[in-house]
């Protein structure tokens, strides 16, 4: 009961989520016969199979994006995680391989082959990039008509400059370049009392603006482990 979403494999079968039954049914295209059914926990909505809504589905795995977990995981309070379940499509009978707690609410997803993803691991060192600082001696503080611009060099646990003095009421614009050109060497930059917290990936330059409307001394520091 409650058919909701269908995905396909490479062998002529379709898989439909059954919201009310908390189950997934396997049926054959052409004959329309139901071949198998597996219970999931609980109230499945969307499904995602490996390239399962394309003209060339992969047909090995299916993920059930469930709306409720109920008693599946250890309760830690009145708010429960939702669940996603990995299902094996390679054997005649559907089989749940793994249960994973996830944030509410899993809703529609795509599964593609990993070799199709070509991510940026480290941003390229572009000497012409606006606001970028690639050497310590390029780091500086410039006061202009539109505010105080801080051109900051970041590497491991260091910021240059590491002390910024401005007048109360100044608009302060930080331009920060992460000079750690190594994969996964993320920098953070936080000024907690001004509600500023951001990540700067390897080779990336980011800008954040604040108005120094409170007198005093305010710390800034790396909010991501970077050394």
C-alpha atoms as a PDB file:
ATOM      1  CA  UNK A   1       0.000   0.000   0.000  1.00  0.00           C
ATOM      2  CA  UNK A   2       1.074   3.558  -0.668  1.00  0.00           C
ATOM      3  CA  UNK A   3       3.282   3.299  -3.782  1.00  0.00           C
ATOM      4  CA  UNK A   4       5.362   6.448  -4.007  1.00  0.00           C
ATOM      5  CA  UNK A   5       8.622   6.311  -5.974  1.00  0.00           C
ATOM      6  CA  UNK A   6      10.154   3.913  -8.506  1.00  0.00           C
ATOM      7  CA  UNK A   7      13.736   3.212  -9.573  1.00  0.00           C
ATOM      8  CA  UNK A   8      15.145   0.728 -12.093  1.00  0.00           C
ATOM      9  CA  UNK A   9      18.026  -1.722 -12.488  1.00  0.00           C
ATOM     10  CA  UNK A  10      19.857  -3.065 -15.555  1.00  0.00           C
ATOM     11  CA  UNK A  11      18.048  -6.430 -15.624  1.00  0.00           C
ATOM     12  CA  UNK A  12      14.502  -5.340 -16.396  1.00  0.00           C
ATOM     13  CA  UNK A  13      13.248  -4.886 -12.850  1.00  0.00           C
ATOM     14  CA  UNK A  14      11.718  -1.904 -11.114  1.00  0.00           C
ATOM     15  CA  UNK A  15      11.641  -1.108  -7.404  1.00  0.00           C
ATOM     16  CA  UNK A  16       8.777   0.847  -5.867  1.00  0.00           C
ATOM     17  CA  UNK A  17       8.582   2.273  -2.365  1.00  0.00           C
ATOM     18  CA  UNK A  18       5.436   1.468  -0.381  1.00  0.00           C
ATOM     19  CA  UNK A  19       4.929   4.201   2.197  1.00  0.00           C
ATOM     20  CA  UNK A  20       2.077   2.611   4.170  1.00  0.00           C
ATOM     21  CA  UNK A  21       3.554  -0.896   4.108  1.00  0.00           C
ATOM     22  CA  UNK A  22       7.065   0.300   5.061  1.00  0.00           C
ATOM     23  CA  UNK A  23       8.387  -1.893   2.282  1.00  0.00           C
ATOM     24  CA  UNK A  24       9.989  -1.937  -1.154  1.00  0.00           C
ATOM     25  CA  UNK A  25       8.623  -4.156  -3.878  1.00  0.00           C
ATOM     26  CA  UNK A  26      10.567  -5.607  -6.807  1.00  0.00           C
ATOM     27  CA  UNK A  27       8.574  -6.126  -9.988  1.00  0.00           C
ATOM     28  CA  UNK A  28       9.349  -7.146 -13.564  1.00  0.00           C
ATOM     29  CA  UNK A  29       8.871  -4.803 -16.482  1.00  0.00           C
ATOM     30  CA  UNK A  30       6.662  -6.286 -19.214  1.00  0.00           C
ATOM     31  CA  UNK A  31       5.047  -9.013 -17.119  1.00  0.00           C
ATOM     32  CA  UNK A  32       4.311  -6.534 -14.273  1.00  0.00           C
ATOM     33  CA  UNK A  33       4.663  -9.407 -11.795  1.00  0.00           C
ATOM     34  CA  UNK A  34       5.861  -8.762  -8.253  1.00  0.00           C
ATOM     35  CA  UNK A  35       9.024 -10.800  -7.655  1.00  0.00           C
ATOM     36  CA  UNK A  36      10.024  -9.856  -4.111  1.00  0.00           C
ATOM     37  CA  UNK A  37       9.385  -7.504  -1.236  1.00  0.00           C
ATOM     38  CA  UNK A  38      11.564  -6.312   1.630  1.00  0.00           C
ATOM     39  CA  UNK A  39      10.529  -4.526   4.830  1.00  0.00           C
ATOM     40  CA  UNK A  40      12.247  -1.250   5.726  1.00  0.00           C
ATOM     41  CA  UNK A  41      12.130   0.872   8.878  1.00  0.00           C
ATOM     42  CA  UNK A  42       9.942   2.870   8.502  1.00  0.00           C
ATOM     43  CA  UNK A  43       7.565   4.633   6.061  1.00  0.00           C
ATOM     44  CA  UNK A  44       9.845   4.860   3.060  1.00  0.00           C
ATOM     45  CA  UNK A  45       9.441   7.841   0.765  1.00  0.00           C
ATOM     46  CA  UNK A  46      11.939   8.216  -2.056  1.00  0.00           C
ATOM     47  CA  UNK A  47      14.378   5.614  -3.330  1.00  0.00           C
ATOM     48  CA  UNK A  48      17.669   5.979  -5.108  1.00  0.00           C
ATOM     49  CA  UNK A  49      19.342   3.222  -7.105  1.00  0.00           C
ATOM     50  CA  UNK A  50      22.724   3.453  -8.781  1.00  0.00           C
ATOM     51  CA  UNK A  51      21.841   5.614 -11.812  1.00  0.00           C
ATOM     52  CA  UNK A  52      18.375   4.140 -11.363  1.00  0.00           C
ATOM     53  CA  UNK A  53      16.426   6.802 -13.245  1.00  0.00           C
ATOM     54  CA  UNK A  54      18.723   6.981 -16.282  1.00  0.00           C
ATOM     55  CA  UNK A  55      18.777   5.065 -19.589  1.00  0.00           C
ATOM     56  CA  UNK A  56      21.690   2.954 -18.287  1.00  0.00           C
ATOM     57  CA  UNK A  57      21.062   2.009 -14.650  1.00  0.00           C
ATOM     58  CA  UNK A  58      23.857   0.227 -12.815  1.00  0.00           C
ATOM     59  CA  UNK A  59      21.686  -2.205 -10.905  1.00  0.00           C
ATOM     60  CA  UNK A  60      23.732  -3.197  -7.876  1.00  0.00           C
ATOM     61  CA  UNK A  61      22.448  -1.150  -4.951  1.00  0.00           C
ATOM     62  CA  UNK A  62      19.363   0.705  -3.801  1.00  0.00           C
ATOM     63  CA  UNK A  63      19.001   3.153  -0.906  1.00  0.00           C
ATOM     64  CA  UNK A  64      15.730   3.510   0.956  1.00  0.00           C
ATOM     65  CA  UNK A  65      15.136   7.059   2.253  1.00  0.00           C
ATOM     66  CA  UNK A  66      12.847   6.441   5.199  1.00  0.00           C
ATOM     67  CA  UNK A  67      10.676   9.011   6.939  1.00  0.00           C
ATOM     68  CA  UNK A  68      10.916   7.488  10.432  1.00  0.00           C
ATOM     69  CA  UNK A  69      13.342   5.379  12.470  1.00  0.00           C
ATOM     70  CA  UNK A  70      11.237   4.820  15.630  1.00  0.00           C
ATOM     71  CA  UNK A  71      13.004   2.051  17.610  1.00  0.00           C
ATOM     72  CA  UNK A  72      15.773   1.317  15.089  1.00  0.00           C
ATOM     73  CA  UNK A  73      18.497   3.329  16.855  1.00  0.00           C
ATOM     74  CA  UNK A  74      19.352   4.084  20.472  1.00  0.00           C
ATOM     75  CA  UNK A  75      17.064   6.938  21.590  1.00  0.00           C
ATOM     76  CA  UNK A  76      18.827   9.990  23.002  1.00  0.00           C
ATOM     77  CA  UNK A  77      15.742  12.162  23.512  1.00  0.00           C
ATOM     78  CA  UNK A  78      12.345  12.938  22.029  1.00  0.00           C
ATOM     79  CA  UNK A  79      13.839  13.882  18.638  1.00  0.00           C
ATOM     80  CA  UNK A  80      14.852  10.812  16.657  1.00  0.00           C
ATOM     81  CA  UNK A  81      17.049  10.537  13.577  1.00  0.00           C
ATOM     82  CA  UNK A  82      15.561   9.302  10.341  1.00  0.00           C
ATOM     83  CA  UNK A  83      17.026   6.268   8.612  1.00  0.00           C
ATOM     84  CA  UNK A  84      18.500   5.332   5.260  1.00  0.00           C
ATOM     85  CA  UNK A  85      18.988   1.674   4.370  1.00  0.00           C
ATOM     86  CA  UNK A  86      21.326   0.157   1.790  1.00  0.00           C
ATOM     87  CA  UNK A  87      19.748  -2.735  -0.112  1.00  0.00           C
ATOM     88  CA  UNK A  88      21.516  -5.368  -2.218  1.00  0.00           C
ATOM     89  CA  UNK A  89      20.071  -5.873  -5.712  1.00  0.00           C
ATOM     90  CA  UNK A  90      22.588  -8.487  -6.909  1.00  0.00           C
ATOM     91  CA  UNK A  91      20.904 -11.546  -5.376  1.00  0.00           C
ATOM     92  CA  UNK A  92      17.435 -12.925  -6.248  1.00  0.00           C
ATOM     93  CA  UNK A  93      15.966 -11.703  -2.975  1.00  0.00           C
ATOM     94  CA  UNK A  94      16.187  -8.139  -1.713  1.00  0.00           C
ATOM     95  CA  UNK A  95      18.407  -7.830   1.348  1.00  0.00           C
ATOM     96  CA  UNK A  96      19.081  -4.905   3.691  1.00  0.00           C
ATOM     97  CA  UNK A  97      22.859  -4.546   4.099  1.00  0.00           C
ATOM     98  CA  UNK A  98      23.201  -1.490   6.311  1.00  0.00           C
ATOM     99  CA  UNK A  99      21.179   0.965   8.403  1.00  0.00           C
ATOM    100  CA  UNK A 100      22.395   4.553   8.756  1.00  0.00           C
ATOM    101  CA  UNK A 101      20.914   7.267  11.001  1.00  0.00           C
ATOM    102  CA  UNK A 102      20.595  10.593   9.188  1.00  0.00           C
ATOM    103  CA  UNK A 103      19.272  14.079   9.823  1.00  0.00           C
ATOM    104  CA  UNK A 104      15.573  14.602   9.134  1.00  0.00           C
ATOM    105  CA  UNK A 105      14.269  14.322   6.523  1.00  0.00           C
ATOM    106  CA  UNK A 106      15.922  12.374   3.672  1.00  0.00           C
ATOM    107  CA  UNK A 107      14.162  13.502   0.519  1.00  0.00           C
ATOM    108  CA  UNK A 108      15.136  12.559  -3.032  1.00  0.00           C
ATOM    109  CA  UNK A 109      18.712  11.710  -3.981  1.00  0.00           C
ATOM    110  CA  UNK A 110      20.879  10.614  -6.886  1.00  0.00           C
ATOM    111  CA  UNK A 111      23.517   7.880  -6.872  1.00  0.00           C
ATOM    112  CA  UNK A 112      26.108   8.018  -9.657  1.00  0.00           C
ATOM    113  CA  UNK A 113      29.415   6.314 -10.385  1.00  0.00           C
ATOM    114  CA  UNK A 114      32.325   7.862  -8.539  1.00  0.00           C
ATOM    115  CA  UNK A 115      34.464   8.233 -11.665  1.00  0.00           C
ATOM    116  CA  UNK A 116      31.952  10.752 -13.019  1.00  0.00           C
ATOM    117  CA  UNK A 117      32.742  13.185 -10.210  1.00  0.00           C
ATOM    118  CA  UNK A 118      35.669  15.500 -10.908  1.00  0.00           C
ATOM    119  CA  UNK A 119      35.917  17.703  -7.810  1.00  0.00           C
ATOM    120  CA  UNK A 120      38.352  20.511  -7.081  1.00  0.00           C
ATOM    121  CA  UNK A 121      40.652  19.275  -4.313  1.00  0.00           C
ATOM    122  CA  UNK A 122      42.830  22.387  -4.049  1.00  0.00           C
ATOM    123  CA  UNK A 123      42.065  25.782  -5.582  1.00  0.00           C
ATOM    124  CA  UNK A 124      44.677  26.866  -8.108  1.00  0.00           C
ATOM    125  CA  UNK A 125      47.164  29.548  -7.123  1.00  0.00           C
ATOM    126  CA  UNK A 126      45.959  32.462  -9.212  1.00  0.00           C
ATOM    127  CA  UNK A 127      48.307  35.421  -8.866  1.00  0.00           C
ATOM    128  CA  UNK A 128      45.736  37.685 -10.531  1.00  0.00           C
ATOM    129  CA  UNK A 129      42.846  36.779  -8.253  1.00  0.00           C
ATOM    130  CA  UNK A 130      41.299  39.845  -6.658  1.00  0.00           C
ATOM    131  CA  UNK A 131      42.013  40.182  -2.919  1.00  0.00           C
ATOM    132  CA  UNK A 132      44.354  37.153  -2.838  1.00  0.00           C
ATOM    133  CA  UNK A 133      47.517  37.276  -0.713  1.00  0.00           C
ATOM    134  CA  UNK A 134      50.165  34.699  -1.651  1.00  0.00           C
ATOM    135  CA  UNK A 135      53.137  36.012   0.347  1.00  0.00           C
ATOM    136  CA  UNK A 136      53.458  37.235   3.914  1.00  0.00           C
ATOM    137  CA  UNK A 137      54.898  40.557   2.789  1.00  0.00           C
ATOM    138  CA  UNK A 138      51.755  41.161   0.704  1.00  0.00           C
ATOM    139  CA  UNK A 139      49.575  41.039   3.817  1.00  0.00           C
ATOM    140  CA  UNK A 140      48.432  44.508   4.811  1.00  0.00           C
ATOM    141  CA  UNK A 141      45.704  46.758   6.188  1.00  0.00           C
ATOM    142  CA  UNK A 142      44.358  49.472   3.872  1.00  0.00           C
ATOM    143  CA  UNK A 143      41.996  52.217   4.993  1.00  0.00           C
ATOM    144  CA  UNK A 144      39.857  53.405   2.069  1.00  0.00           C
ATOM    145  CA  UNK A 145      36.678  55.400   1.575  1.00  0.00           C
ATOM    146  CA  UNK A 146      34.491  52.303   1.866  1.00  0.00           C
ATOM    147  CA  UNK A 147      36.133  50.855   4.973  1.00  0.00           C
ATOM    148  CA  UNK A 148      39.193  49.109   6.358  1.00  0.00           C
ATOM    149  CA  UNK A 149      40.397  46.282   4.101  1.00  0.00           C
ATOM    150  CA  UNK A 150      42.463  43.561   5.775  1.00  0.00           C
ATOM    151  CA  UNK A 151      44.415  41.452   3.257  1.00  0.00           C
ATOM    152  CA  UNK A 152      45.263  38.404   5.322  1.00  0.00           C
ATOM    153  CA  UNK A 153      47.718  35.554   4.713  1.00  0.00           C
ATOM    154  CA  UNK A 154      46.703  32.301   6.440  1.00  0.00           C
ATOM    155  CA  UNK A 155      48.881  29.212   6.831  1.00  0.00           C
ATOM    156  CA  UNK A 156      48.586  26.444   9.413  1.00  0.00           C
ATOM    157  CA  UNK A 157      47.907  28.141  12.751  1.00  0.00           C
ATOM    158  CA  UNK A 158      49.008  31.606  11.652  1.00  0.00           C
ATOM    159  CA  UNK A 159      47.330  34.712  10.353  1.00  0.00           C
ATOM    160  CA  UNK A 160      49.279  37.673   8.984  1.00  0.00           C
ATOM    161  CA  UNK A 161      48.486  40.287  10.165  1.00  0.00           C
ATOM    162  CA  UNK A 162      47.556  38.811  13.534  1.00  0.00           C
ATOM    163  CA  UNK A 163      46.587  42.132  15.108  1.00  0.00           C
ATOM    164  CA  UNK A 164      44.066  44.504  13.532  1.00  0.00           C
ATOM    165  CA  UNK A 165      43.318  47.870  15.131  1.00  0.00           C
ATOM    166  CA  UNK A 166      40.329  49.892  13.903  1.00  0.00           C
ATOM    167  CA  UNK A 167      38.125  52.688  15.157  1.00  0.00           C
ATOM    168  CA  UNK A 168      34.717  52.087  16.657  1.00  0.00           C
ATOM    169  CA  UNK A 169      32.157  52.307  13.855  1.00  0.00           C
ATOM    170  CA  UNK A 170      34.563  51.250  11.081  1.00  0.00           C
ATOM    171  CA  UNK A 171      33.418  48.803   8.447  1.00  0.00           C
ATOM    172  CA  UNK A 172      36.097  46.106   8.362  1.00  0.00           C
ATOM    173  CA  UNK A 173      36.473  43.831   5.336  1.00  0.00           C
ATOM    174  CA  UNK A 174      38.663  40.746   5.798  1.00  0.00           C
ATOM    175  CA  UNK A 175      40.085  39.127   2.629  1.00  0.00           C
ATOM    176  CA  UNK A 176      41.693  35.859   3.734  1.00  0.00           C
ATOM    177  CA  UNK A 177      43.713  33.498   1.538  1.00  0.00           C
ATOM    178  CA  UNK A 178      44.449  29.956   2.690  1.00  0.00           C
ATOM    179  CA  UNK A 179      48.049  29.342   1.590  1.00  0.00           C
ATOM    180  CA  UNK A 180      48.083  25.688   2.615  1.00  0.00           C
ATOM    181  CA  UNK A 181      48.078  24.143  -0.854  1.00  0.00           C
ATOM    182  CA  UNK A 182      47.521  20.627   0.427  1.00  0.00           C
ATOM    183  CA  UNK A 183      44.366  18.536   0.117  1.00  0.00           C
ATOM    184  CA  UNK A 184      41.978  18.786   3.103  1.00  0.00           C
ATOM    185  CA  UNK A 185      43.930  21.556   4.870  1.00  0.00           C
ATOM    186  CA  UNK A 186      40.891  23.681   5.636  1.00  0.00           C
ATOM    187  CA  UNK A 187      41.251  26.916   7.575  1.00  0.00           C
ATOM    188  CA  UNK A 188      38.591  28.454   9.739  1.00  0.00           C
ATOM    189  CA  UNK A 189      38.151  32.095  10.682  1.00  0.00           C
ATOM    190  CA  UNK A 190      35.977  33.126  13.563  1.00  0.00           C
ATOM    191  CA  UNK A 191      35.183  36.248  15.571  1.00  0.00           C
ATOM    192  CA  UNK A 192      32.626  34.809  18.003  1.00  0.00           C
ATOM    193  CA  UNK A 193      31.352  38.071  19.489  1.00  0.00           C
ATOM    194  CA  UNK A 194      30.554  39.304  15.981  1.00  0.00           C
ATOM    195  CA  UNK A 195      28.893  36.051  14.939  1.00  0.00           C
ATOM    196  CA  UNK A 196      31.509  35.375  12.249  1.00  0.00           C
ATOM    197  CA  UNK A 197      32.614  31.834  11.460  1.00  0.00           C
ATOM    198  CA  UNK A 198      33.641  30.514   8.057  1.00  0.00           C
ATOM    199  CA  UNK A 199      35.781  27.917   6.324  1.00  0.00           C
ATOM    200  CA  UNK A 200      38.486  28.677   3.755  1.00  0.00           C
ATOM    201  CA  UNK A 201      39.565  25.740   1.616  1.00  0.00           C
ATOM    202  CA  UNK A 202      43.148  25.156   0.375  1.00  0.00           C
ATOM    203  CA  UNK A 203      44.102  27.891  -2.087  1.00  0.00           C
ATOM    204  CA  UNK A 204      40.799  29.722  -1.620  1.00  0.00           C
ATOM    205  CA  UNK A 205      40.268  33.419  -0.889  1.00  0.00           C
ATOM    206  CA  UNK A 206      37.176  34.429   1.060  1.00  0.00           C
ATOM    207  CA  UNK A 207      35.826  37.794   2.159  1.00  0.00           C
ATOM    208  CA  UNK A 208      33.768  38.608   5.241  1.00  0.00           C
ATOM    209  CA  UNK A 209      32.582  42.022   6.427  1.00  0.00           C
ATOM    210  CA  UNK A 210      31.762  43.346   9.886  1.00  0.00           C
ATOM    211  CA  UNK A 211      31.092  46.708  11.514  1.00  0.00           C
ATOM    212  CA  UNK A 212      33.208  47.350  14.610  1.00  0.00           C
ATOM    213  CA  UNK A 213      30.346  48.852  16.587  1.00  0.00           C
ATOM    214  CA  UNK A 214      31.501  47.717  20.036  1.00  0.00           C
ATOM    215  CA  UNK A 215      34.562  49.001  21.894  1.00  0.00           C
ATOM    216  CA  UNK A 216      37.083  46.507  23.235  1.00  0.00           C
ATOM    217  CA  UNK A 217      39.389  43.684  22.253  1.00  0.00           C
ATOM    218  CA  UNK A 218      37.958  40.833  20.204  1.00  0.00           C
ATOM    219  CA  UNK A 219      39.812  37.652  19.326  1.00  0.00           C
ATOM    220  CA  UNK A 220      39.851  36.014  15.920  1.00  0.00           C
ATOM    221  CA  UNK A 221      41.126  32.491  15.504  1.00  0.00           C
ATOM    222  CA  UNK A 222      41.031  29.394  13.353  1.00  0.00           C
ATOM    223  CA  UNK A 223      37.835  27.471  14.074  1.00  0.00           C
ATOM    224  CA  UNK A 224      38.960  24.420  12.092  1.00  0.00           C
ATOM    225  CA  UNK A 225      41.839  22.184  13.168  1.00  0.00           C
ATOM    226  CA  UNK A 226      44.602  23.223  10.779  1.00  0.00           C
ATOM    227  CA  UNK A 227      47.960  22.105  12.207  1.00  0.00           C
END
